[in-house]
Amino acid sequence: MAEAFLRTYAGDRFEAHSAGLEPKDINPLTIQVMQEKGIDISHHTSKGIDAYLGKVHFQTLITVCDDAEKNCPTVWPGVNTRFHWSFEDPAAFQGSDSERLAKFRQIRDLIENKVKIWLTEQGVAV
């Protein structure tokens, strides 16, 4: 979600990539709640950090869940700024279908807001 919002609001000002510690298919609820915002991520794929580590150089690294912050490699060539945005993993939430959808929407909105704030801090008009 963070990558999609960054691409949507920042355009080509940043080159955004996302990766997970344990990549798996994009959760259908993630696709659904992003579509509600007019952002189609149905073609996105989940990638592991090994797709980037030592191959792509980043200036900024942002982790968006506590597990990633704990387990993400601490050394990334070229990274000079690192942020941790602690968001609950909506896929881990247990509840009815409507409760799970509500959780995905809640986390989506929190991520969207954080991306907008960060972009504003970077001098990007949102």
N, C-alpha and C. Protein backbone atom coordinates (compact mmCIF):
# COMPACT_ATOMS: atom_id res chain seq x y z
N MET A 1 0.82 -1.19 0.00
CA MET A 1 0.00 0.00 0.00
C MET A 1 0.87 1.25 0.00
N ALA A 2 1.92 1.25 0.81
CA ALA A 2 2.78 2.43 0.89
C ALA A 2 3.42 2.73 -0.46
N GLU A 3 3.92 1.71 -1.12
CA GLU A 3 4.53 1.91 -2.43
C GLU A 3 3.52 2.51 -3.40
N ALA A 4 2.31 1.99 -3.42
CA ALA A 4 1.28 2.47 -4.35
C ALA A 4 0.90 3.92 -4.06
N PHE A 5 0.78 4.27 -2.77
CA PHE A 5 0.47 5.66 -2.43
C PHE A 5 1.63 6.57 -2.80
N LEU A 6 2.84 6.14 -2.55
CA LEU A 6 4.00 6.96 -2.90
C LEU A 6 4.05 7.20 -4.40
N ARG A 7 3.84 6.16 -5.18
CA ARG A 7 3.83 6.32 -6.63
C ARG A 7 2.69 7.24 -7.08
N THR A 8 1.54 7.11 -6.46
CA THR A 8 0.38 7.92 -6.83
C THR A 8 0.59 9.39 -6.50
N TYR A 9 1.07 9.68 -5.31
CA TYR A 9 1.16 11.07 -4.87
C TYR A 9 2.47 11.76 -5.24
N ALA A 10 3.53 11.00 -5.46
CA ALA A 10 4.83 11.62 -5.75
C ALA A 10 5.20 11.52 -7.22
N GLY A 11 4.46 10.73 -7.97
CA GLY A 11 4.77 10.59 -9.39
C GLY A 11 6.19 10.09 -9.59
N ASP A 12 6.93 10.77 -10.43
CA ASP A 12 8.29 10.33 -10.74
C ASP A 12 9.35 11.00 -9.85
N ARG A 13 8.94 11.69 -8.80
CA ARG A 13 9.90 12.34 -7.91
C ARG A 13 10.69 11.34 -7.07
N PHE A 14 10.12 10.15 -6.88
CA PHE A 14 10.78 9.08 -6.14
C PHE A 14 10.63 7.79 -6.93
N GLU A 15 11.60 6.93 -6.80
CA GLU A 15 11.50 5.59 -7.37
C GLU A 15 11.16 4.66 -6.20
N ALA A 16 9.93 4.20 -6.17
CA ALA A 16 9.46 3.41 -5.04
C ALA A 16 9.48 1.92 -5.35
N HIS A 17 9.93 1.16 -4.37
CA HIS A 17 9.93 -0.30 -4.45
C HIS A 17 9.47 -0.83 -3.11
N SER A 18 8.89 -2.00 -3.11
CA SER A 18 8.54 -2.62 -1.84
C SER A 18 8.96 -4.07 -1.87
N ALA A 19 9.26 -4.56 -0.68
CA ALA A 19 9.69 -5.96 -0.54
C ALA A 19 9.28 -6.45 0.83
N GLY A 20 9.14 -7.75 0.93
CA GLY A 20 8.77 -8.34 2.21
C GLY A 20 9.78 -9.37 2.65
N LEU A 21 9.75 -9.67 3.91
CA LEU A 21 10.63 -10.70 4.45
C LEU A 21 10.18 -12.07 4.00
N GLU A 22 8.87 -12.24 3.87
CA GLU A 22 8.29 -13.51 3.41
C GLU A 22 7.27 -13.19 2.33
N PRO A 23 7.74 -12.96 1.10
CA PRO A 23 6.80 -12.56 0.04
C PRO A 23 5.77 -13.63 -0.26
N LYS A 24 4.55 -13.17 -0.49
CA LYS A 24 3.45 -14.05 -0.88
C LYS A 24 2.52 -13.26 -1.77
N ASP A 25 1.52 -13.89 -2.30
CA ASP A 25 0.57 -13.19 -3.18
C ASP A 25 -0.02 -11.98 -2.48
N ILE A 26 -0.34 -10.95 -3.27
CA ILE A 26 -0.98 -9.76 -2.72
C ILE A 26 -2.36 -10.17 -2.20
N ASN A 27 -2.64 -9.81 -0.97
CA ASN A 27 -3.91 -10.16 -0.35
C ASN A 27 -5.06 -9.52 -1.15
N PRO A 28 -6.08 -10.29 -1.49
CA PRO A 28 -7.21 -9.74 -2.25
C PRO A 28 -7.88 -8.55 -1.56
N LEU A 29 -7.86 -8.52 -0.23
CA LEU A 29 -8.45 -7.37 0.47
C LEU A 29 -7.60 -6.11 0.27
N THR A 30 -6.31 -6.28 0.15
CA THR A 30 -5.43 -5.14 -0.15
C THR A 30 -5.80 -4.58 -1.52
N ILE A 31 -5.94 -5.46 -2.48
CA ILE A 31 -6.32 -5.03 -3.83
C ILE A 31 -7.66 -4.31 -3.79
N GLN A 32 -8.61 -4.86 -3.06
CA GLN A 32 -9.95 -4.28 -2.98
C GLN A 32 -9.93 -2.88 -2.35
N VAL A 33 -9.26 -2.73 -1.20
CA VAL A 33 -9.30 -1.43 -0.53
C VAL A 33 -8.51 -0.36 -1.28
N MET A 34 -7.49 -0.78 -2.01
CA MET A 34 -6.76 0.20 -2.82
C MET A 34 -7.60 0.59 -4.03
N GLN A 35 -8.34 -0.35 -4.60
CA GLN A 35 -9.23 -0.04 -5.71
C GLN A 35 -10.29 0.97 -5.28
N GLU A 36 -10.72 0.90 -4.03
CA GLU A 36 -11.67 1.87 -3.50
C GLU A 36 -11.11 3.29 -3.55
N LYS A 37 -9.80 3.41 -3.53
CA LYS A 37 -9.13 4.71 -3.62
C LYS A 37 -8.76 5.04 -5.07
N GLY A 38 -9.17 4.18 -6.00
CA GLY A 38 -8.87 4.41 -7.40
C GLY A 38 -7.47 4.00 -7.81
N ILE A 39 -6.83 3.14 -7.00
CA ILE A 39 -5.47 2.69 -7.29
C ILE A 39 -5.50 1.19 -7.56
N ASP A 40 -5.13 0.83 -8.77
CA ASP A 40 -5.14 -0.57 -9.17
C ASP A 40 -3.78 -1.21 -8.91
N ILE A 41 -3.72 -2.11 -7.95
CA ILE A 41 -2.47 -2.81 -7.66
C ILE A 41 -2.61 -4.30 -8.00
N SER A 42 -3.63 -4.65 -8.75
CA SER A 42 -3.87 -6.05 -9.06
C SER A 42 -2.73 -6.68 -9.86
N HIS A 43 -1.96 -5.86 -10.55
CA HIS A 43 -0.84 -6.36 -11.35
C HIS A 43 0.47 -6.39 -10.55
N HIS A 44 0.46 -5.88 -9.33
CA HIS A 44 1.67 -5.88 -8.51
C HIS A 44 2.01 -7.29 -8.06
N THR A 45 3.28 -7.50 -7.81
CA THR A 45 3.73 -8.79 -7.27
C THR A 45 4.51 -8.54 -6.00
N SER A 46 4.51 -9.53 -5.15
CA SER A 46 5.26 -9.46 -3.90
C SER A 46 6.69 -9.91 -4.17
N LYS A 47 7.62 -9.12 -3.68
CA LYS A 47 9.03 -9.44 -3.88
C LYS A 47 9.72 -9.57 -2.52
N GLY A 48 10.74 -10.39 -2.48
CA GLY A 48 11.54 -10.53 -1.28
C GLY A 48 12.67 -9.52 -1.28
N ILE A 49 13.26 -9.29 -0.11
CA ILE A 49 14.34 -8.31 -0.03
C ILE A 49 15.55 -8.74 -0.85
N ASP A 50 15.69 -10.04 -1.10
CA ASP A 50 16.82 -10.51 -1.90
C ASP A 50 16.76 -10.02 -3.34
N ALA A 51 15.60 -9.56 -3.78
CA ALA A 51 15.49 -8.99 -5.13
C ALA A 51 16.21 -7.65 -5.22
N TYR A 52 16.46 -7.01 -4.06
CA TYR A 52 17.05 -5.68 -4.04
C TYR A 52 18.39 -5.59 -3.34
N LEU A 53 18.56 -6.35 -2.27
CA LEU A 53 19.76 -6.22 -1.43
C LEU A 53 21.03 -6.47 -2.25
N GLY A 54 21.87 -5.45 -2.31
CA GLY A 54 23.11 -5.54 -3.07
C GLY A 54 22.94 -5.35 -4.57
N LYS A 55 21.71 -5.18 -5.03
CA LYS A 55 21.45 -5.04 -6.48
C LYS A 55 20.91 -3.67 -6.84
N VAL A 56 20.14 -3.09 -5.94
CA VAL A 56 19.55 -1.78 -6.15
C VAL A 56 19.97 -0.91 -4.97
N HIS A 57 20.40 0.30 -5.26
CA HIS A 57 20.83 1.19 -4.19
C HIS A 57 19.72 2.18 -3.86
N PHE A 58 19.43 2.27 -2.58
CA PHE A 58 18.38 3.15 -2.09
C PHE A 58 19.01 4.21 -1.20
N GLN A 59 18.47 5.41 -1.24
CA GLN A 59 18.90 6.45 -0.31
C GLN A 59 18.08 6.41 0.96
N THR A 60 16.81 6.00 0.82
CA THR A 60 15.90 5.98 1.96
C THR A 60 15.25 4.61 2.05
N LEU A 61 15.18 4.10 3.25
CA LEU A 61 14.52 2.82 3.51
C LEU A 61 13.44 3.06 4.56
N ILE A 62 12.24 2.61 4.25
CA ILE A 62 11.12 2.76 5.19
C ILE A 62 10.53 1.39 5.45
N THR A 63 10.52 0.99 6.70
CA THR A 63 9.83 -0.25 7.08
C THR A 63 8.45 0.14 7.61
N VAL A 64 7.46 -0.72 7.35
CA VAL A 64 6.09 -0.36 7.71
C VAL A 64 5.44 -1.34 8.68
N CYS A 65 6.20 -2.28 9.18
CA CYS A 65 5.65 -3.14 10.24
C CYS A 65 6.78 -3.51 11.19
N ASP A 66 6.43 -3.82 12.41
CA ASP A 66 7.43 -4.08 13.45
C ASP A 66 8.28 -5.30 13.12
N ASP A 67 7.70 -6.32 12.52
CA ASP A 67 8.46 -7.51 12.17
C ASP A 67 9.55 -7.17 11.16
N ALA A 68 9.21 -6.35 10.19
CA ALA A 68 10.20 -5.94 9.19
C ALA A 68 11.30 -5.11 9.85
N GLU A 69 10.93 -4.24 10.74
CA GLU A 69 11.93 -3.41 11.42
C GLU A 69 12.89 -4.27 12.23
N LYS A 70 12.35 -5.29 12.87
CA LYS A 70 13.17 -6.19 13.69
C LYS A 70 14.08 -7.07 12.85
N ASN A 71 13.59 -7.54 11.71
CA ASN A 71 14.28 -8.57 10.95
C ASN A 71 14.90 -8.12 9.63
N CYS A 72 14.67 -6.89 9.25
CA CYS A 72 15.24 -6.38 8.01
C CYS A 72 16.74 -6.18 8.22
N PRO A 73 17.55 -6.49 7.22
CA PRO A 73 18.99 -6.26 7.37
C PRO A 73 19.27 -4.80 7.76
N THR A 74 20.20 -4.60 8.65
CA THR A 74 20.49 -3.25 9.13
C THR A 74 21.43 -2.51 8.20
N VAL A 75 22.11 -3.22 7.33
CA VAL A 75 23.03 -2.58 6.39
C VAL A 75 22.50 -2.74 4.98
N TRP A 76 22.23 -1.60 4.36
CA TRP A 76 21.81 -1.55 2.96
C TRP A 76 22.75 -0.58 2.26
N PRO A 77 23.49 -1.03 1.25
CA PRO A 77 24.40 -0.13 0.55
C PRO A 77 23.67 1.10 0.01
N GLY A 78 24.20 2.27 0.33
CA GLY A 78 23.63 3.52 -0.18
C GLY A 78 22.56 4.15 0.68
N VAL A 79 21.98 3.41 1.61
CA VAL A 79 20.90 3.96 2.44
C VAL A 79 21.52 4.93 3.46
N ASN A 80 21.07 6.17 3.41
CA ASN A 80 21.54 7.14 4.40
C ASN A 80 20.43 7.61 5.32
N THR A 81 19.20 7.25 5.02
CA THR A 81 18.07 7.61 5.86
C THR A 81 17.16 6.40 6.00
N ARG A 82 16.83 6.11 7.24
CA ARG A 82 15.96 4.96 7.50
C ARG A 82 14.84 5.40 8.44
N PHE A 83 13.62 5.02 8.08
CA PHE A 83 12.45 5.33 8.89
C PHE A 83 11.72 4.03 9.22
N HIS A 84 11.04 4.04 10.35
CA HIS A 84 10.15 2.94 10.69
C HIS A 84 8.77 3.51 10.98
N TRP A 85 7.81 3.07 10.19
CA TRP A 85 6.42 3.45 10.40
C TRP A 85 5.70 2.20 10.89
N SER A 86 5.30 2.19 12.12
CA SER A 86 4.71 0.99 12.73
C SER A 86 3.22 0.89 12.41
N PHE A 87 2.89 -0.01 11.51
CA PHE A 87 1.50 -0.28 11.18
C PHE A 87 1.19 -1.74 11.48
N GLU A 88 0.02 -1.97 11.98
CA GLU A 88 -0.45 -3.33 12.21
C GLU A 88 -0.61 -4.03 10.86
N ASP A 89 -0.29 -5.32 10.81
CA ASP A 89 -0.48 -6.10 9.59
C ASP A 89 -1.95 -6.48 9.51
N PRO A 90 -2.70 -5.90 8.57
CA PRO A 90 -4.14 -6.20 8.52
C PRO A 90 -4.42 -7.66 8.16
N ALA A 91 -3.48 -8.32 7.48
CA ALA A 91 -3.69 -9.72 7.12
C ALA A 91 -3.66 -10.63 8.34
N ALA A 92 -3.06 -10.17 9.42
CA ALA A 92 -2.98 -10.97 10.64
C ALA A 92 -4.24 -10.81 11.51
N PHE A 93 -5.06 -9.83 11.17
CA PHE A 93 -6.27 -9.57 11.96
C PHE A 93 -7.27 -10.71 11.82
N GLN A 94 -7.81 -11.16 12.92
CA GLN A 94 -8.83 -12.22 12.93
C GLN A 94 -10.20 -11.60 13.18
N GLY A 95 -11.16 -11.99 12.39
CA GLY A 95 -12.52 -11.49 12.57
C GLY A 95 -13.38 -11.93 11.41
N SER A 96 -14.61 -11.42 11.42
CA SER A 96 -15.53 -11.73 10.33
C SER A 96 -15.02 -11.06 9.05
N ASP A 97 -15.63 -11.42 7.92
CA ASP A 97 -15.23 -10.82 6.65
C ASP A 97 -15.36 -9.30 6.70
N SER A 98 -16.47 -8.81 7.25
CA SER A 98 -16.67 -7.35 7.30
C SER A 98 -15.69 -6.69 8.27
N GLU A 99 -15.36 -7.36 9.36
CA GLU A 99 -14.38 -6.81 10.31
C GLU A 99 -12.98 -6.77 9.69
N ARG A 100 -12.64 -7.81 8.94
CA ARG A 100 -11.33 -7.85 8.28
C ARG A 100 -11.24 -6.74 7.22
N LEU A 101 -12.30 -6.56 6.45
CA LEU A 101 -12.32 -5.50 5.45
C LEU A 101 -12.17 -4.13 6.13
N ALA A 102 -12.85 -3.94 7.23
CA ALA A 102 -12.74 -2.68 7.98
C ALA A 102 -11.31 -2.46 8.47
N LYS A 103 -10.64 -3.51 8.90
CA LYS A 103 -9.25 -3.39 9.36
C LYS A 103 -8.35 -3.00 8.20
N PHE A 104 -8.53 -3.62 7.04
CA PHE A 104 -7.72 -3.26 5.87
C PHE A 104 -7.95 -1.79 5.50
N ARG A 105 -9.18 -1.34 5.56
CA ARG A 105 -9.47 0.07 5.26
C ARG A 105 -8.80 1.00 6.27
N GLN A 106 -8.86 0.62 7.54
CA GLN A 106 -8.25 1.43 8.59
C GLN A 106 -6.74 1.56 8.36
N ILE A 107 -6.08 0.45 8.12
CA ILE A 107 -4.62 0.48 7.91
C ILE A 107 -4.29 1.22 6.62
N ARG A 108 -5.07 1.00 5.57
CA ARG A 108 -4.87 1.74 4.32
C ARG A 108 -4.90 3.24 4.56
N ASP A 109 -5.90 3.70 5.31
CA ASP A 109 -6.05 5.13 5.55
C ASP A 109 -4.90 5.68 6.39
N LEU A 110 -4.44 4.90 7.36
CA LEU A 110 -3.29 5.32 8.17
C LEU A 110 -2.03 5.43 7.31
N ILE A 111 -1.82 4.46 6.44
CA ILE A 111 -0.65 4.48 5.55
C ILE A 111 -0.74 5.66 4.59
N GLU A 112 -1.91 5.87 4.01
CA GLU A 112 -2.08 6.99 3.08
C GLU A 112 -1.75 8.31 3.77
N ASN A 113 -2.26 8.50 4.97
CA ASN A 113 -2.01 9.73 5.71
C ASN A 113 -0.52 9.90 6.00
N LYS A 114 0.14 8.83 6.41
CA LYS A 114 1.58 8.90 6.73
C LYS A 114 2.39 9.22 5.48
N VAL A 115 2.06 8.63 4.36
CA VAL A 115 2.76 8.92 3.10
C VAL A 115 2.58 10.40 2.75
N LYS A 116 1.37 10.91 2.88
CA LYS A 116 1.12 12.32 2.57
C LYS A 116 1.93 13.24 3.48
N ILE A 117 1.97 12.93 4.76
CA ILE A 117 2.75 13.73 5.71
C ILE A 117 4.23 13.69 5.34
N TRP A 118 4.74 12.50 5.07
CA TRP A 118 6.16 12.36 4.73
C TRP A 118 6.49 13.12 3.46
N LEU A 119 5.65 13.01 2.45
CA LEU A 119 5.90 13.74 1.21
C LEU A 119 5.90 15.25 1.44
N THR A 120 4.99 15.73 2.26
CA THR A 120 4.96 17.16 2.59
C THR A 120 6.27 17.56 3.27
N GLU A 121 6.76 16.71 4.18
CA GLU A 121 8.04 16.99 4.85
C GLU A 121 9.20 16.99 3.86
N GLN A 122 9.07 16.27 2.76
CA GLN A 122 10.10 16.22 1.73
C GLN A 122 9.96 17.36 0.73
N GLY A 123 8.95 18.21 0.94
CA GLY A 123 8.75 19.34 0.05
C GLY A 123 7.93 19.03 -1.18
N VAL A 124 7.22 17.90 -1.15
CA VAL A 124 6.38 17.50 -2.28
C VAL A 124 4.94 17.90 -1.98
N ALA A 125 4.35 18.69 -2.85
CA ALA A 125 2.95 19.09 -2.68
C ALA A 125 2.06 17.90 -3.00
N VAL A 126 1.15 17.60 -2.10
CA VAL A 126 0.25 16.45 -2.27
C VAL A 126 -1.15 16.96 -2.53
